[in-house]
Amino acid sequence: MPAPLMDTYAPPPLRFERGEGVRLFDKDGKSYLDFIAGIAVTSLGHSNPKLIAALKSQADKLWHLSNMFQVPGQKELAERFVATTFADRVFFTNSGTEAVECALKTARRHHFVNGAPERQTIVSFSGAFHGRSYGAINAGGNPKYLEGFGPAMGGFVQIPFADHEAAKNAVDETTAAVIIEPVQGEGGVRAVPDACLRGLRELCDERGALLIYDEVQCGAGRTGKLFAHQWVAGAEPDLMAVAKGIGGGFPMGACLATENAAKGMVVGTHGSTFGGNALAMAVGLAVMEELEKPELMDHVNKVANHLRQGLHGVADRHADVVEDVRGKGLLLGLKLKPALVNAKVRDAARDRGLLIGVAGENVARLAPPLVVTSDDASKAIEILDDSLAAAKAEMEATA
């Protein structure tokens, strides 16, 4: 009998039964340091008591209404996003992909209602990852994700990463929006230079296009500010897609917009059955309450600096296979040289009790929960050192 699940994933033969803080425990009770956090999702750690209490409290009262009715918590959470960001309007979704889809639709609709229906093109950057829906994979432009799904959609143009001259050539009178991740996750943990973000804001203003940030992975406090672009003065977007960490492990996302950008999104133009449901709103409010605390962001920056220093030490000690340390805050990566495949390091680390991820450009990716401690970071560095040595030894033995 064939396996009931589609073969779209290839997980290792490892079963986790519970989590606590920065650790996961398998069925035999073995502890693992979780430095991937469900791909930057469990922002406040596993089994966070405040999130559990919020979810249980709401579950006892009301699960689902759909957006036919006013959903408890939606207005309150939207007000929190508006108060702490550039945004005036919020649309809640179930995922980051849906938040991106909403942003793309909002951008095109904006120009349509403003008398410029020809402005349909979305400009994105090499290495981008904006989700797995049909629109999102076309926005990302990765040939691997487009293969086998029919013809590429029109209206998408991709240019080299952080290439401002290419951006100036691409953004014209047909451009609806430019979309970019302030820190690329899947594309290789690459932080966009501050000057590039400011330059894109100026270019979009000059050419009449909207600027969309995809902060699905790099937002929610991961870089030491509530959202990554907030490190850069004069670079606020018109639209932003967020998800992952804002739900702390509960599926939720949001598309944030200025009043001007959201002008065309009126009754009937967009919708979601489950987006912004009562359970998600309860958890989202509890997460936001924690993310807004200055002491948490201070903690993230402190531990991130400690972890980055440790990674530079790893890079120095393994200069034969490590090319660079990348990323920002608690979204970091080791860029490996071609001789050592990132998956080998990931697997060696997992065997030693450390869970990390991989990303494009042969990067080993780290994205621990924001509540990670400096001691946790030191232990992770120790395991990474050992894992790199083991992966190199295996590589040499099979050469």
Protein backbone atom coordinates (compact mmCIF):
# COMPACT_ATOMS: atom_id res chain seq x y z
CA MET A 1 0.00 0.00 0.00
CA PRO A 2 1.48 3.39 -0.94
CA ALA A 3 2.21 5.94 1.76
CA PRO A 4 -0.85 8.17 2.35
CA LEU A 5 1.11 11.44 2.33
CA MET A 6 2.29 13.10 -0.86
CA ASP A 7 6.06 12.81 -1.22
CA THR A 8 6.63 16.57 -1.06
CA TYR A 9 8.74 16.37 2.11
CA ALA A 10 11.61 14.14 3.20
CA PRO A 11 11.79 14.33 7.01
CA PRO A 12 14.40 12.27 8.88
CA PRO A 13 13.31 9.20 10.88
CA LEU A 14 12.90 11.25 14.03
CA ARG A 15 9.71 11.77 16.03
CA PHE A 16 9.35 14.61 18.49
CA GLU A 17 6.80 14.28 21.27
CA ARG A 18 7.06 17.56 23.13
CA GLY A 19 8.85 20.87 23.30
CA GLU A 20 9.85 23.25 26.04
CA GLY A 21 11.42 26.64 25.40
CA VAL A 22 14.36 26.18 23.03
CA ARG A 23 14.34 22.38 23.27
CA LEU A 24 12.51 19.53 21.61
CA PHE A 25 12.32 15.99 22.99
CA ASP A 26 11.97 12.82 20.95
CA LYS A 27 10.00 9.72 21.89
CA ASP A 28 13.00 8.35 23.79
CA GLY A 29 13.39 11.54 25.80
CA LYS A 30 16.50 12.77 23.99
CA SER A 31 16.82 16.56 24.06
CA TYR A 32 17.59 18.68 21.00
CA LEU A 33 18.47 22.37 20.85
CA ASP A 34 16.02 23.82 18.34
CA PHE A 35 17.87 26.44 16.28
CA ILE A 36 15.42 26.42 13.37
CA ALA A 37 12.17 26.97 15.34
CA GLY A 38 9.80 25.56 12.75
CA ILE A 39 11.54 27.81 10.19
CA ALA A 40 11.48 30.99 12.30
CA VAL A 41 7.95 30.33 13.60
CA THR A 42 8.05 29.42 17.31
CA SER A 43 9.27 32.90 18.19
CA LEU A 44 8.57 32.63 21.92
CA GLY A 45 9.67 29.02 22.27
CA HIS A 46 7.82 25.74 22.54
CA SER A 47 4.90 25.38 24.99
CA ASN A 48 5.03 29.04 25.97
CA PRO A 49 2.65 29.28 28.95
CA LYS A 50 1.26 32.70 27.96
CA LEU A 51 0.34 31.49 24.47
CA ILE A 52 -1.14 28.28 25.82
CA ALA A 53 -3.29 30.24 28.27
CA ALA A 54 -4.51 32.60 25.53
CA LEU A 55 -5.40 29.72 23.23
CA LYS A 56 -7.18 27.71 25.91
CA SER A 57 -9.13 30.71 27.11
CA GLN A 58 -10.43 31.48 23.61
CA ALA A 59 -11.02 27.81 22.78
CA ASP A 60 -13.44 27.60 25.68
CA LYS A 61 -15.51 30.44 24.19
CA LEU A 62 -15.47 30.54 20.37
CA TRP A 63 -13.39 29.01 17.59
CA HIS A 64 -14.76 30.18 14.28
CA LEU A 65 -17.24 32.61 12.77
CA SER A 66 -15.77 33.46 9.34
CA ASN A 67 -15.50 37.08 8.33
CA MET A 68 -19.26 37.27 7.79
CA PHE A 69 -19.28 38.57 11.36
CA GLN A 70 -17.04 40.63 13.60
CA VAL A 71 -14.39 38.27 14.96
CA PRO A 72 -13.20 38.71 18.55
CA GLY A 73 -9.69 40.10 18.72
CA GLN A 74 -9.37 41.23 15.10
CA LYS A 75 -9.84 44.94 15.74
CA GLU A 76 -7.58 44.87 18.80
CA LEU A 77 -4.71 43.10 17.01
CA ALA A 78 -5.06 45.27 13.92
CA GLU A 79 -4.82 48.34 16.16
CA ARG A 80 -1.60 46.97 17.65
CA PHE A 81 -0.05 46.56 14.19
CA VAL A 82 -1.16 50.03 13.16
CA ALA A 83 0.23 51.57 16.35
CA THR A 84 3.65 49.95 15.96
CA THR A 85 4.24 50.10 12.19
CA PHE A 86 3.79 52.27 9.10
CA ALA A 87 0.41 50.67 8.40
CA ASP A 88 -3.12 52.09 8.50
CA ARG A 89 -4.97 48.94 7.38
CA VAL A 90 -4.59 45.20 8.07
CA PHE A 91 -5.96 42.07 6.37
CA PHE A 92 -5.50 38.83 8.32
CA THR A 93 -4.53 35.59 6.58
CA ASN A 94 -3.64 32.01 7.51
CA SER A 95 -0.07 32.08 6.19
CA GLY A 96 2.76 34.08 4.74
CA THR A 97 1.94 32.96 1.22
CA GLU A 98 -1.59 34.34 1.58
CA ALA A 99 -0.23 37.58 3.02
CA VAL A 100 2.00 37.93 -0.06
CA GLU A 101 -0.92 37.18 -2.37
CA CYS A 102 -2.96 39.88 -0.65
CA ALA A 103 -0.11 42.38 -1.03
CA LEU A 104 0.27 41.62 -4.75
CA LYS A 105 -3.47 41.96 -5.36
CA THR A 106 -3.64 45.15 -3.31
CA ALA A 107 -0.80 46.71 -5.32
CA ARG A 108 -2.41 46.00 -8.66
CA ARG A 109 -5.85 47.04 -7.45
CA HIS A 110 -4.38 50.31 -6.15
CA HIS A 111 -3.29 51.32 -9.64
CA PHE A 112 -6.51 50.07 -11.22
CA VAL A 113 -8.71 52.34 -9.08
CA ASN A 114 -6.29 55.23 -9.62
CA GLY A 115 -6.74 55.10 -13.38
CA ALA A 116 -3.54 53.24 -14.29
CA PRO A 117 -4.63 49.64 -15.04
CA GLU A 118 -1.50 49.17 -17.16
CA ARG A 119 0.57 49.13 -13.97
CA GLN A 120 0.57 45.38 -13.38
CA THR A 121 4.21 44.29 -13.30
CA ILE A 122 5.76 43.09 -10.03
CA VAL A 123 9.54 43.45 -9.78
CA SER A 124 11.35 41.00 -7.49
CA PHE A 125 14.93 39.89 -6.85
CA SER A 126 17.03 36.79 -7.44
CA GLY A 127 17.09 34.49 -4.44
CA ALA A 128 13.63 35.63 -3.37
CA PHE A 129 11.16 33.30 -1.72
CA HIS A 130 7.61 34.57 -1.36
CA GLY A 131 5.70 31.33 -0.78
CA ARG A 132 4.35 28.33 -2.66
CA SER A 133 1.09 29.48 -4.22
CA TYR A 134 1.04 30.00 -7.99
CA GLY A 135 1.30 33.76 -7.70
CA ALA A 136 3.99 33.55 -5.03
CA ILE A 137 6.26 31.19 -6.95
CA ASN A 138 6.04 33.47 -9.96
CA ALA A 139 6.93 36.43 -7.77
CA GLY A 140 9.88 34.48 -6.38
CA GLY A 141 10.97 33.38 -9.83
CA ASN A 142 12.96 30.33 -8.68
CA PRO A 143 13.04 27.92 -11.67
CA LYS A 144 13.07 24.94 -9.28
CA TYR A 145 9.71 25.94 -7.83
CA LEU A 146 8.20 26.83 -11.22
CA GLU A 147 9.16 23.62 -13.01
CA GLY A 148 6.23 21.44 -14.00
CA PHE A 149 3.50 23.91 -13.09
CA GLY A 150 2.73 25.20 -16.53
CA PRO A 151 3.71 28.46 -18.16
CA ALA A 152 5.11 31.27 -16.07
CA MET A 153 2.57 33.98 -15.28
CA GLY A 154 2.94 37.29 -17.02
CA GLY A 155 3.49 40.46 -15.07
CA PHE A 156 6.56 39.40 -13.08
CA VAL A 157 10.12 40.62 -13.65
CA GLN A 158 13.11 39.42 -11.64
CA ILE A 159 16.38 41.31 -11.33
CA PRO A 160 19.72 40.58 -9.57
CA PHE A 161 19.81 40.83 -5.78
CA ALA A 162 20.55 44.32 -4.42
CA ASP A 163 21.35 45.69 -7.90
CA HIS A 164 20.09 49.27 -7.88
CA GLU A 165 21.02 49.95 -11.50
CA ALA A 166 18.96 46.95 -12.56
CA ALA A 167 16.09 48.23 -10.41
CA LYS A 168 16.23 51.64 -12.10
CA ASN A 169 16.03 49.95 -15.48
CA ALA A 170 13.19 47.62 -14.46
CA VAL A 171 10.83 50.01 -12.65
CA ASP A 172 8.84 51.97 -15.22
CA GLU A 173 5.32 53.14 -16.08
CA THR A 174 4.04 49.52 -16.15
CA THR A 175 5.32 48.65 -12.67
CA ALA A 176 2.74 48.08 -9.95
CA ALA A 177 5.18 47.27 -7.15
CA VAL A 178 8.63 46.14 -6.12
CA ILE A 179 8.71 43.27 -3.61
CA ILE A 180 11.73 42.42 -1.49
CA GLU A 181 12.68 40.60 1.72
CA PRO A 182 14.81 42.92 3.90
CA VAL A 183 16.66 39.77 4.91
CA GLN A 184 16.35 36.85 2.53
CA GLY A 185 15.77 33.55 4.30
CA GLU A 186 15.48 30.75 1.75
CA GLY A 187 17.69 32.61 -0.70
CA GLY A 188 20.78 32.31 1.47
CA VAL A 189 20.24 34.42 4.62
CA ARG A 190 21.27 37.62 2.84
CA ALA A 191 20.57 41.01 4.42
CA VAL A 192 19.69 43.75 1.93
CA PRO A 193 22.06 46.72 2.41
CA ASP A 194 20.42 49.71 4.13
CA ALA A 195 21.28 51.95 1.20
CA CYS A 196 19.45 49.56 -1.13
CA LEU A 197 16.24 49.72 0.90
CA ARG A 198 16.39 53.52 1.01
CA GLY A 199 17.15 53.58 -2.69
CA LEU A 200 14.16 51.40 -3.49
CA ARG A 201 11.89 53.66 -1.45
CA GLU A 202 13.14 56.70 -3.35
CA LEU A 203 12.88 54.91 -6.70
CA CYS A 204 9.30 53.77 -6.07
CA ASP A 205 8.30 57.29 -5.03
CA GLU A 206 9.93 58.74 -8.13
CA ARG A 207 8.37 56.23 -10.55
CA GLY A 208 4.93 55.91 -8.94
CA ALA A 209 5.28 52.26 -7.90
CA LEU A 210 4.46 50.73 -4.52
CA LEU A 211 7.07 49.10 -2.28
CA ILE A 212 6.24 45.74 -0.70
CA TYR A 213 8.30 44.13 2.04
CA ASP A 214 8.06 40.42 2.65
CA GLU A 215 8.88 40.10 6.35
CA VAL A 216 7.32 36.69 6.79
CA GLN A 217 10.62 35.23 7.98
CA CYS A 218 12.70 38.22 9.06
CA GLY A 219 9.93 40.04 10.97
CA ALA A 220 8.33 39.46 14.37
CA GLY A 221 11.37 40.60 16.34
CA ARG A 222 13.83 38.25 14.66
CA THR A 223 16.38 40.97 13.87
CA GLY A 224 16.08 42.78 17.21
CA LYS A 225 13.36 45.19 16.14
CA LEU A 226 9.69 44.37 15.66
CA PHE A 227 10.29 44.35 11.89
CA ALA A 228 13.62 44.24 10.07
CA HIS A 229 13.09 47.36 7.92
CA GLN A 230 12.70 49.44 11.10
CA TRP A 231 16.49 49.46 11.41
CA VAL A 232 16.59 51.70 8.31
CA ALA A 233 15.32 55.28 8.49
CA GLY A 234 13.48 56.53 5.43
CA ALA A 235 12.68 53.10 4.03
CA GLU A 236 9.13 52.32 5.12
CA PRO A 237 7.02 50.27 2.67
CA ASP A 238 3.53 50.78 1.32
CA LEU A 239 2.62 47.14 1.92
CA MET A 240 4.09 44.37 4.04
CA ALA A 241 3.46 40.63 4.33
CA VAL A 242 4.02 39.12 7.78
CA ALA A 243 3.39 35.68 9.29
CA LYS A 244 5.45 32.91 10.93
CA GLY A 245 6.68 34.40 14.22
CA ILE A 246 3.68 36.68 14.75
CA GLY A 247 1.64 33.58 15.60
CA GLY A 248 4.30 31.94 17.75
CA GLY A 249 3.44 28.56 16.20
CA PHE A 250 -0.26 29.09 15.54
CA PRO A 251 -0.97 29.55 11.79
CA MET A 252 -1.60 33.20 11.03
CA GLY A 253 -0.40 35.99 8.79
CA ALA A 254 -1.29 39.53 7.84
CA CYS A 255 -1.00 41.99 4.99
CA LEU A 256 -0.28 45.49 6.30
CA ALA A 257 -0.95 48.54 4.14
CA THR A 258 -1.01 52.31 4.15
CA GLU A 259 -4.38 53.98 3.62
CA ASN A 260 -3.27 55.00 0.14
CA ALA A 261 -2.10 51.53 -0.89
CA ALA A 262 -5.28 49.88 0.42
CA LYS A 263 -7.57 52.34 -1.35
CA GLY A 264 -8.95 49.79 -3.81
CA MET A 265 -9.57 46.97 -1.34
CA VAL A 266 -13.28 47.41 -0.73
CA VAL A 267 -16.07 44.96 0.06
CA GLY A 268 -15.94 41.98 -2.29
CA THR A 269 -12.40 42.44 -3.62
CA HIS A 270 -10.69 39.94 -1.32
CA GLY A 271 -11.58 37.46 1.39
CA SER A 272 -10.64 34.49 3.55
CA THR A 273 -12.76 31.89 5.33
CA PHE A 274 -10.31 31.16 8.13
CA GLY A 275 -8.04 34.23 8.03
CA GLY A 276 -8.18 36.16 11.30
CA ASN A 277 -10.15 33.50 13.16
CA ALA A 278 -10.78 33.90 16.88
CA LEU A 279 -8.13 31.39 17.96
CA ALA A 280 -5.42 33.02 15.83
CA MET A 281 -6.34 36.47 17.11
CA ALA A 282 -6.11 35.37 20.75
CA VAL A 283 -2.66 33.88 20.22
CA GLY A 284 -1.54 36.80 18.04
CA LEU A 285 -2.45 39.31 20.72
CA ALA A 286 -0.48 37.34 23.30
CA VAL A 287 2.55 37.16 20.97
CA MET A 288 2.38 40.86 20.16
CA GLU A 289 2.24 41.75 23.85
CA GLU A 290 5.58 39.98 24.30
CA LEU A 291 7.20 41.28 21.09
CA GLU A 292 6.40 44.87 22.06
CA LYS A 293 8.43 44.60 25.28
CA PRO A 294 11.73 46.50 24.91
CA GLU A 295 13.45 44.01 27.19
CA LEU A 296 12.74 41.16 24.74
CA MET A 297 14.29 43.07 21.85
CA ASP A 298 17.29 43.96 24.06
CA HIS A 299 17.64 40.26 24.81
CA VAL A 300 17.45 39.33 21.11
CA ASN A 301 20.20 41.81 20.25
CA LYS A 302 22.41 40.64 23.10
CA VAL A 303 22.14 36.95 22.25
CA ALA A 304 22.38 37.65 18.51
CA ASN A 305 25.70 39.44 19.01
CA HIS A 306 26.97 36.54 21.11
CA LEU A 307 25.86 34.01 18.50
CA ARG A 308 27.34 35.98 15.62
CA GLN A 309 30.69 36.26 17.40
CA GLY A 310 30.62 32.53 17.98
CA LEU A 311 29.86 31.86 14.34
CA HIS A 312 32.78 34.05 13.27
CA GLY A 313 34.96 31.92 15.51
CA VAL A 314 33.60 28.79 13.83
CA ALA A 315 34.31 30.36 10.44
CA ASP A 316 37.90 31.10 11.45
CA ARG A 317 38.48 27.61 12.80
CA HIS A 318 36.99 26.01 9.68
CA ALA A 319 38.16 28.49 7.07
CA ASP A 320 38.79 25.63 4.64
CA VAL A 321 35.04 25.02 4.30
CA VAL A 322 33.31 28.17 5.66
CA GLU A 323 33.25 31.22 3.42
CA ASP A 324 31.23 33.77 5.41
CA VAL A 325 28.81 34.53 8.24
CA ARG A 326 25.54 36.04 7.02
CA GLY A 327 22.27 37.46 8.25
CA LYS A 328 20.94 39.78 10.91
CA GLY A 329 19.77 39.35 14.49
CA LEU A 330 18.68 35.77 15.13
CA LEU A 331 18.42 34.91 11.44
CA LEU A 332 21.99 33.87 10.72
CA GLY A 333 23.84 31.53 8.39
CA LEU A 334 27.17 29.98 7.59
CA LYS A 335 27.93 30.28 3.88
CA LEU A 336 29.84 27.10 3.06
CA LYS A 337 32.35 26.57 0.30
CA PRO A 338 31.32 24.20 -2.52
CA ALA A 339 33.43 21.37 -1.13
CA LEU A 340 31.03 20.86 1.81
CA VAL A 341 27.27 20.55 1.24
CA ASN A 342 25.10 22.35 3.82
CA ALA A 343 22.82 19.34 4.26
CA LYS A 344 25.79 17.29 5.50
CA VAL A 345 26.42 19.83 8.26
CA ARG A 346 22.71 19.96 9.11
CA ASP A 347 22.57 16.17 9.44
CA ALA A 348 25.76 15.99 11.52
CA ALA A 349 24.40 18.68 13.86
CA ARG A 350 21.09 16.84 14.23
CA ASP A 351 22.94 13.64 15.17
CA ARG A 352 24.63 15.67 17.93
CA GLY A 353 21.45 17.24 19.30
CA LEU A 354 21.29 20.54 17.39
CA LEU A 355 18.54 21.31 14.88
CA ILE A 356 19.45 23.78 12.13
CA GLY A 357 18.21 24.38 8.60
CA VAL A 358 19.63 24.91 5.15
CA ALA A 359 19.13 27.71 2.65
CA GLY A 360 20.15 28.69 -0.85
CA GLU A 361 23.74 29.36 -1.87
CA ASN A 362 24.89 26.43 0.30
CA VAL A 363 24.09 28.15 3.60
CA ALA A 364 23.55 26.42 6.95
CA ARG A 365 20.75 28.45 8.55
CA LEU A 366 20.09 29.26 12.21
CA ALA A 367 16.83 30.81 13.43
CA PRO A 368 16.31 29.90 17.10
CA PRO A 369 13.38 31.09 19.21
CA LEU A 370 13.81 34.67 20.42
CA VAL A 371 13.94 33.41 24.02
CA VAL A 372 17.22 31.56 23.34
CA THR A 373 19.95 32.29 25.91
CA SER A 374 23.65 33.02 25.51
CA ASP A 375 24.37 29.65 27.13
CA ASP A 376 22.17 27.99 24.49
CA ALA A 377 24.08 29.85 21.79
CA SER A 378 27.43 28.76 23.22
CA LYS A 379 26.28 25.13 23.25
CA ALA A 380 25.10 25.45 19.65
CA ILE A 381 28.49 26.83 18.62
CA GLU A 382 30.21 23.91 20.33
CA ILE A 383 28.03 21.42 18.47
CA LEU A 384 28.51 23.24 15.16
CA ASP A 385 32.29 23.06 15.60
CA ASP A 386 32.07 19.31 16.11
CA SER A 387 29.57 18.90 13.29
CA LEU A 388 31.73 20.69 10.75
CA ALA A 389 34.71 18.55 11.72
CA ALA A 390 32.61 15.40 11.38
CA ALA A 391 31.16 16.46 8.02
CA LYS A 392 34.63 17.26 6.70
CA ALA A 393 35.95 13.88 7.89
CA GLU A 394 33.08 12.10 6.14
CA MET A 395 33.70 14.10 2.99
CA GLU A 396 37.40 13.23 2.99
CA ALA A 397 36.69 9.56 3.68
CA THR A 398 34.40 9.29 0.66
CA ALA A 399 36.54 11.40 -1.68
